[in-house]
Amino acid sequence: MAATLSSSCSSSLTPSSSNPHPSLTNPRKFITYSISFPTTPKTPTTCSTKLPPKFLTSKSPPPQSLPPLTLRPSAAASSPTTTSATTFHGVCYVVGDNIDTDQIIPAEYLTLVPSKPDEYEKLGSYALIGLPSSYSTRFIEPDQVKSKYSILIAGDNFGCGSSREHAPVALGAAGVAAVVAESYARIFFRNSVATGEVYPLESEVRICEECSTGDVVTIELEENRLINHTTGKEYKLKPIGDAGPVIEAGGIFAYARKTGMIPLKSA
């Protein structure tokens, strides 16, 4: 780009008696500059990308999709595992909302190793020992390692707090087969499925407000219902879904071996 510069200067030269040469009086106001730039037409700043012709024609074949991922079953697993008809019958123990993992199993007992049979049994003897004194009926009687309550009924947000997997393990070790709650903390639900210790079932209504500790109840998984034989009432439960076969197998690793996802241990 070229620019042209033009200047004009007009001044008043006045002679002086002491200086015979003329002098310039205030030259700034007489000097002007004019700068002009050549104008060029503006071009649009849009960008367009041209696709190869094969993407612009309707006759091109669609992109090939990858085949679905399948796991190779072992010879022992001839068909996928399905949820079988399972029924739990027993006496229930009722708790309220926001029962956290510190109440289910306090941190001081987390040193117990569930893989050791004697410590597993001892862990169960401390289940729900952290409940406040407002629960007058103890979940496990003194000097006992098992609870007579095989079904636990709870309110909202059961299993909140820390992510310790000892919580469902302690309940299972104490003899609990299933927990029926209005809702769960996600980590407790996941740990229950992964360990296979208890069935974390969800109710559609607040059963905890209509059942009492000591009521005799039956849970029918296939029918997705809970029957309170003491009151004569029935309640609808939400389906356990794909988590059912995992729990029935005994946890995620047992389920993986059963279905051939991981090889069985050699004898």
Protein backbone atom coordinates (compact mmCIF):
# COMPACT_ATOMS: atom_id res chain seq x y z
CA MET A 1 0.00 0.00 0.00
CA ALA A 2 1.43 3.34 -0.96
CA ALA A 3 0.61 6.68 0.56
CA THR A 4 1.16 10.13 -0.88
CA LEU A 5 2.20 12.97 1.28
CA SER A 6 1.71 16.56 0.26
CA SER A 7 2.58 19.60 2.30
CA SER A 8 2.07 23.26 1.88
CA CYS A 9 3.82 25.98 3.71
CA SER A 10 2.90 29.60 3.72
CA SER A 11 4.63 32.04 5.98
CA SER A 12 4.99 35.68 6.52
CA LEU A 13 8.60 36.84 6.23
CA THR A 14 9.21 40.09 7.97
CA PRO A 15 12.49 41.97 7.91
CA SER A 16 14.15 43.10 11.09
CA SER A 17 16.33 46.06 11.67
CA SER A 18 18.77 44.10 13.78
CA ASN A 19 18.67 41.09 11.51
CA PRO A 20 18.61 41.81 7.85
CA HIS A 21 17.57 38.27 7.07
CA PRO A 22 13.87 37.53 7.15
CA SER A 23 12.50 35.39 10.03
CA LEU A 24 9.62 32.88 10.11
CA THR A 25 6.78 33.94 12.38
CA ASN A 26 4.94 31.03 14.10
CA PRO A 27 5.42 28.54 11.28
CA ARG A 28 3.22 25.75 12.85
CA LYS A 29 -0.06 27.31 11.96
CA PHE A 30 0.97 27.71 8.36
CA ILE A 31 2.06 24.10 7.72
CA THR A 32 -0.57 21.57 6.81
CA TYR A 33 -0.21 17.93 5.78
CA SER A 34 -2.52 15.89 3.69
CA ILE A 35 -2.15 12.09 3.69
CA SER A 36 -4.21 9.96 1.41
CA PHE A 37 -4.30 6.15 1.20
CA PRO A 38 -5.44 4.24 -1.80
CA THR A 39 -8.71 2.45 -1.22
CA THR A 40 -9.08 -1.22 -2.05
CA PRO A 41 -12.35 -3.15 -2.19
CA LYS A 42 -13.14 -5.11 0.97
CA THR A 43 -13.19 -8.86 0.69
CA PRO A 44 -15.47 -10.98 2.87
CA THR A 45 -13.82 -12.82 5.77
CA THR A 46 -15.89 -15.95 5.51
CA CYS A 47 -14.38 -19.40 5.37
CA SER A 48 -15.80 -22.35 3.52
CA THR A 49 -14.63 -25.94 3.61
CA LYS A 50 -15.13 -28.13 0.61
CA LEU A 51 -15.94 -31.75 1.34
CA PRO A 52 -14.83 -34.54 -0.92
CA PRO A 53 -17.44 -35.42 -3.53
CA LYS A 54 -18.25 -38.76 -1.90
CA PHE A 55 -19.76 -36.97 1.10
CA LEU A 56 -21.88 -34.70 -1.11
CA THR A 57 -23.71 -37.40 -3.01
CA SER A 58 -26.64 -39.34 -1.67
CA LYS A 59 -25.41 -42.50 -3.39
CA SER A 60 -22.37 -42.90 -1.15
CA PRO A 61 -22.64 -45.83 1.28
CA PRO A 62 -23.13 -45.02 5.00
CA PRO A 63 -20.09 -45.31 7.27
CA GLN A 64 -19.55 -48.77 8.62
CA SER A 65 -20.33 -49.23 12.32
CA LEU A 66 -18.19 -51.30 14.64
CA PRO A 67 -19.62 -54.61 15.79
CA PRO A 68 -20.95 -54.70 19.36
CA LEU A 69 -18.48 -55.60 22.07
CA THR A 70 -19.07 -59.08 23.38
CA LEU A 71 -17.34 -60.99 26.12
CA ARG A 72 -16.23 -64.53 25.41
CA PRO A 73 -18.01 -66.91 27.76
CA SER A 74 -16.28 -69.96 29.09
CA ALA A 75 -17.47 -73.49 28.48
CA ALA A 76 -19.13 -73.53 31.89
CA ALA A 77 -21.35 -70.56 31.05
CA SER A 78 -23.74 -71.59 28.31
CA SER A 79 -26.34 -68.81 28.77
CA PRO A 80 -26.59 -65.42 30.51
CA THR A 81 -27.60 -65.45 34.12
CA THR A 82 -31.19 -64.41 34.80
CA THR A 83 -32.81 -63.30 38.04
CA SER A 84 -34.46 -66.24 39.70
CA ALA A 85 -37.53 -66.07 41.91
CA THR A 86 -36.16 -65.15 45.32
CA THR A 87 -38.20 -64.67 48.47
CA PHE A 88 -37.07 -63.29 51.80
CA HIS A 89 -39.15 -63.81 54.90
CA GLY A 90 -38.41 -62.62 58.41
CA VAL A 91 -38.71 -59.95 61.06
CA CYS A 92 -37.94 -56.36 60.04
CA TYR A 93 -36.01 -53.60 61.77
CA VAL A 94 -37.09 -50.03 60.94
CA VAL A 95 -34.88 -46.93 60.83
CA GLY A 96 -35.46 -43.39 59.58
CA ASP A 97 -33.84 -40.99 57.13
CA ASN A 98 -30.15 -40.23 56.52
CA ILE A 99 -28.69 -43.28 58.25
CA ASP A 100 -25.01 -42.83 57.44
CA THR A 101 -22.18 -45.33 57.30
CA ASP A 102 -20.86 -44.22 60.69
CA GLN A 103 -24.11 -45.40 62.21
CA ILE A 104 -24.06 -48.63 60.21
CA ILE A 105 -20.47 -49.46 61.19
CA PRO A 106 -18.32 -46.93 63.10
CA ALA A 107 -14.82 -46.21 61.83
CA GLU A 108 -13.14 -47.83 64.84
CA TYR A 109 -14.17 -51.26 63.53
CA LEU A 110 -12.83 -50.82 60.01
CA THR A 111 -9.59 -52.56 60.98
CA LEU A 112 -11.46 -55.87 60.84
CA VAL A 113 -10.73 -57.80 57.65
CA PRO A 114 -13.90 -59.29 56.12
CA SER A 115 -11.95 -61.92 54.18
CA LYS A 116 -11.06 -63.60 57.49
CA PRO A 117 -14.06 -65.65 58.69
CA ASP A 118 -13.69 -64.84 62.37
CA GLU A 119 -13.27 -61.11 61.72
CA TYR A 120 -16.16 -61.16 59.25
CA GLU A 121 -18.39 -62.55 61.98
CA LYS A 122 -17.12 -60.02 64.47
CA LEU A 123 -17.75 -57.18 62.01
CA GLY A 124 -21.38 -58.25 61.79
CA SER A 125 -21.75 -58.10 65.56
CA TYR A 126 -21.13 -54.33 65.40
CA ALA A 127 -23.70 -53.61 62.66
CA LEU A 128 -25.84 -50.53 63.39
CA ILE A 129 -24.11 -50.07 66.72
CA GLY A 130 -23.72 -46.39 65.89
CA LEU A 131 -27.46 -45.66 65.96
CA PRO A 132 -28.46 -42.92 68.44
CA SER A 133 -30.05 -43.75 71.77
CA SER A 134 -33.48 -42.85 70.38
CA TYR A 135 -33.56 -46.37 68.94
CA SER A 136 -34.53 -48.21 72.09
CA THR A 137 -34.51 -51.63 70.47
CA ARG A 138 -31.03 -52.83 69.67
CA PHE A 139 -30.38 -54.32 66.27
CA ILE A 140 -28.15 -57.01 67.78
CA GLU A 141 -28.59 -58.22 71.33
CA PRO A 142 -25.58 -58.07 73.67
CA ASP A 143 -23.22 -61.04 73.43
CA GLN A 144 -24.72 -61.97 70.05
CA VAL A 145 -23.02 -61.90 66.64
CA LYS A 146 -26.17 -62.24 64.53
CA SER A 147 -29.33 -60.16 64.42
CA LYS A 148 -32.81 -61.64 64.52
CA TYR A 149 -33.86 -58.96 62.01
CA SER A 150 -33.18 -60.24 58.50
CA ILE A 151 -34.89 -57.36 56.69
CA LEU A 152 -34.02 -53.71 57.23
CA ILE A 153 -36.55 -51.00 56.33
CA ALA A 154 -35.26 -47.43 56.02
CA GLY A 155 -36.25 -43.96 54.86
CA ASP A 156 -34.51 -41.55 52.53
CA ASN A 157 -30.78 -41.40 51.71
CA PHE A 158 -29.79 -44.62 53.43
CA GLY A 159 -26.03 -45.30 53.52
CA CYS A 160 -24.89 -41.70 53.12
CA GLY A 161 -21.53 -40.51 54.42
CA SER A 162 -18.22 -42.20 53.67
CA SER A 163 -17.68 -44.74 50.92
CA ARG A 164 -16.65 -47.62 53.17
CA GLU A 165 -17.66 -50.98 51.73
CA HIS A 166 -17.69 -52.34 55.28
CA ALA A 167 -21.23 -50.94 55.66
CA PRO A 168 -23.07 -53.47 53.49
CA VAL A 169 -20.61 -56.17 54.52
CA ALA A 170 -21.43 -55.62 58.21
CA LEU A 171 -25.15 -55.85 57.50
CA GLY A 172 -24.70 -59.04 55.51
CA ALA A 173 -22.48 -60.53 58.19
CA ALA A 174 -25.17 -59.74 60.77
CA GLY A 175 -27.71 -61.76 58.79
CA VAL A 176 -29.51 -59.05 56.79
CA ALA A 177 -30.74 -60.34 53.43
CA ALA A 178 -32.29 -57.15 52.06
CA VAL A 179 -32.66 -53.47 52.77
CA VAL A 180 -35.82 -51.67 51.64
CA ALA A 181 -35.34 -47.89 51.60
CA GLU A 182 -37.02 -44.91 50.00
CA SER A 183 -33.67 -43.97 48.44
CA TYR A 184 -29.96 -44.73 48.80
CA ALA A 185 -26.67 -42.95 48.70
CA ARG A 186 -25.19 -44.07 45.38
CA ILE A 187 -21.95 -45.39 46.86
CA PHE A 188 -23.79 -47.62 49.35
CA PHE A 189 -26.00 -49.00 46.57
CA ARG A 190 -22.94 -49.72 44.46
CA ASN A 191 -21.05 -51.37 47.32
CA SER A 192 -24.06 -53.55 48.11
CA VAL A 193 -24.11 -54.85 44.54
CA ALA A 194 -20.33 -55.20 44.26
CA THR A 195 -20.00 -57.19 47.48
CA GLY A 196 -23.22 -59.16 46.99
CA GLU A 197 -23.97 -58.91 50.69
CA VAL A 198 -27.48 -57.42 50.67
CA TYR A 199 -30.20 -56.57 48.16
CA PRO A 200 -30.68 -52.76 48.14
CA LEU A 201 -34.36 -52.50 47.20
CA GLU A 202 -36.26 -49.26 46.74
CA SER A 203 -39.85 -48.65 47.77
CA GLU A 204 -42.31 -46.44 45.96
CA VAL A 205 -43.75 -45.05 49.21
CA ARG A 206 -42.36 -44.37 52.70
CA ILE A 207 -42.76 -47.88 54.07
CA CYS A 208 -40.67 -46.87 57.09
CA GLU A 209 -43.65 -44.84 58.35
CA GLU A 210 -46.10 -47.73 58.00
CA CYS A 211 -43.99 -50.57 59.39
CA SER A 212 -42.66 -51.09 62.89
CA THR A 213 -39.67 -52.96 64.23
CA GLY A 214 -40.73 -56.53 64.88
CA ASP A 215 -43.27 -56.78 62.04
CA VAL A 216 -43.15 -60.02 60.06
CA VAL A 217 -42.63 -59.29 56.36
CA THR A 218 -42.01 -61.11 53.11
CA ILE A 219 -40.18 -59.75 50.06
CA GLU A 220 -40.92 -61.31 46.69
CA LEU A 221 -38.33 -60.17 44.17
CA GLU A 222 -40.07 -61.65 41.16
CA GLU A 223 -43.30 -59.81 42.02
CA ASN A 224 -41.50 -56.67 43.21
CA ARG A 225 -43.53 -56.41 46.37
CA LEU A 226 -43.27 -56.44 50.13
CA ILE A 227 -45.98 -58.01 52.26
CA ASN A 228 -46.37 -56.97 55.89
CA HIS A 229 -48.09 -59.93 57.51
CA THR A 230 -48.49 -58.06 60.80
CA THR A 231 -50.54 -55.22 59.30
CA GLY A 232 -51.88 -57.07 56.27
CA LYS A 233 -50.61 -54.41 53.84
CA GLU A 234 -48.69 -54.87 50.59
CA TYR A 235 -46.27 -52.43 49.01
CA LYS A 236 -44.87 -52.12 45.51
CA LEU A 237 -41.08 -52.19 45.15
CA LYS A 238 -38.98 -50.91 42.28
CA PRO A 239 -37.33 -53.67 40.19
CA ILE A 240 -33.74 -54.44 41.12
CA GLY A 241 -32.90 -54.82 37.42
CA ASP A 242 -29.48 -55.98 36.24
CA ALA A 243 -28.06 -55.71 39.75
CA GLY A 244 -30.08 -58.74 40.83
CA PRO A 245 -28.00 -61.44 39.11
CA VAL A 246 -24.78 -59.86 40.38
CA ILE A 247 -25.96 -59.96 44.00
CA GLU A 248 -27.38 -63.45 43.59
CA ALA A 249 -24.01 -64.68 42.32
CA GLY A 250 -22.29 -63.31 45.42
CA GLY A 251 -20.81 -60.06 44.12
CA ILE A 252 -19.25 -58.66 41.01
CA PHE A 253 -16.20 -60.95 40.94
CA ALA A 254 -18.27 -64.08 41.54
CA TYR A 255 -20.66 -62.96 38.80
CA ALA A 256 -17.76 -62.34 36.41
CA ARG A 257 -16.43 -65.85 37.00
CA LYS A 258 -19.88 -67.37 36.70
CA THR A 259 -20.55 -65.73 33.36
CA GLY A 260 -17.05 -66.30 31.97
CA MET A 261 -15.92 -62.68 32.02
CA ILE A 262 -12.83 -63.78 33.91
CA PRO A 263 -11.44 -67.34 33.94
CA LEU A 264 -12.20 -69.68 36.75
CA LYS A 265 -9.42 -70.56 39.16
CA SER A 266 -7.74 -73.83 38.26
CA ALA A 267 -8.03 -76.61 40.80
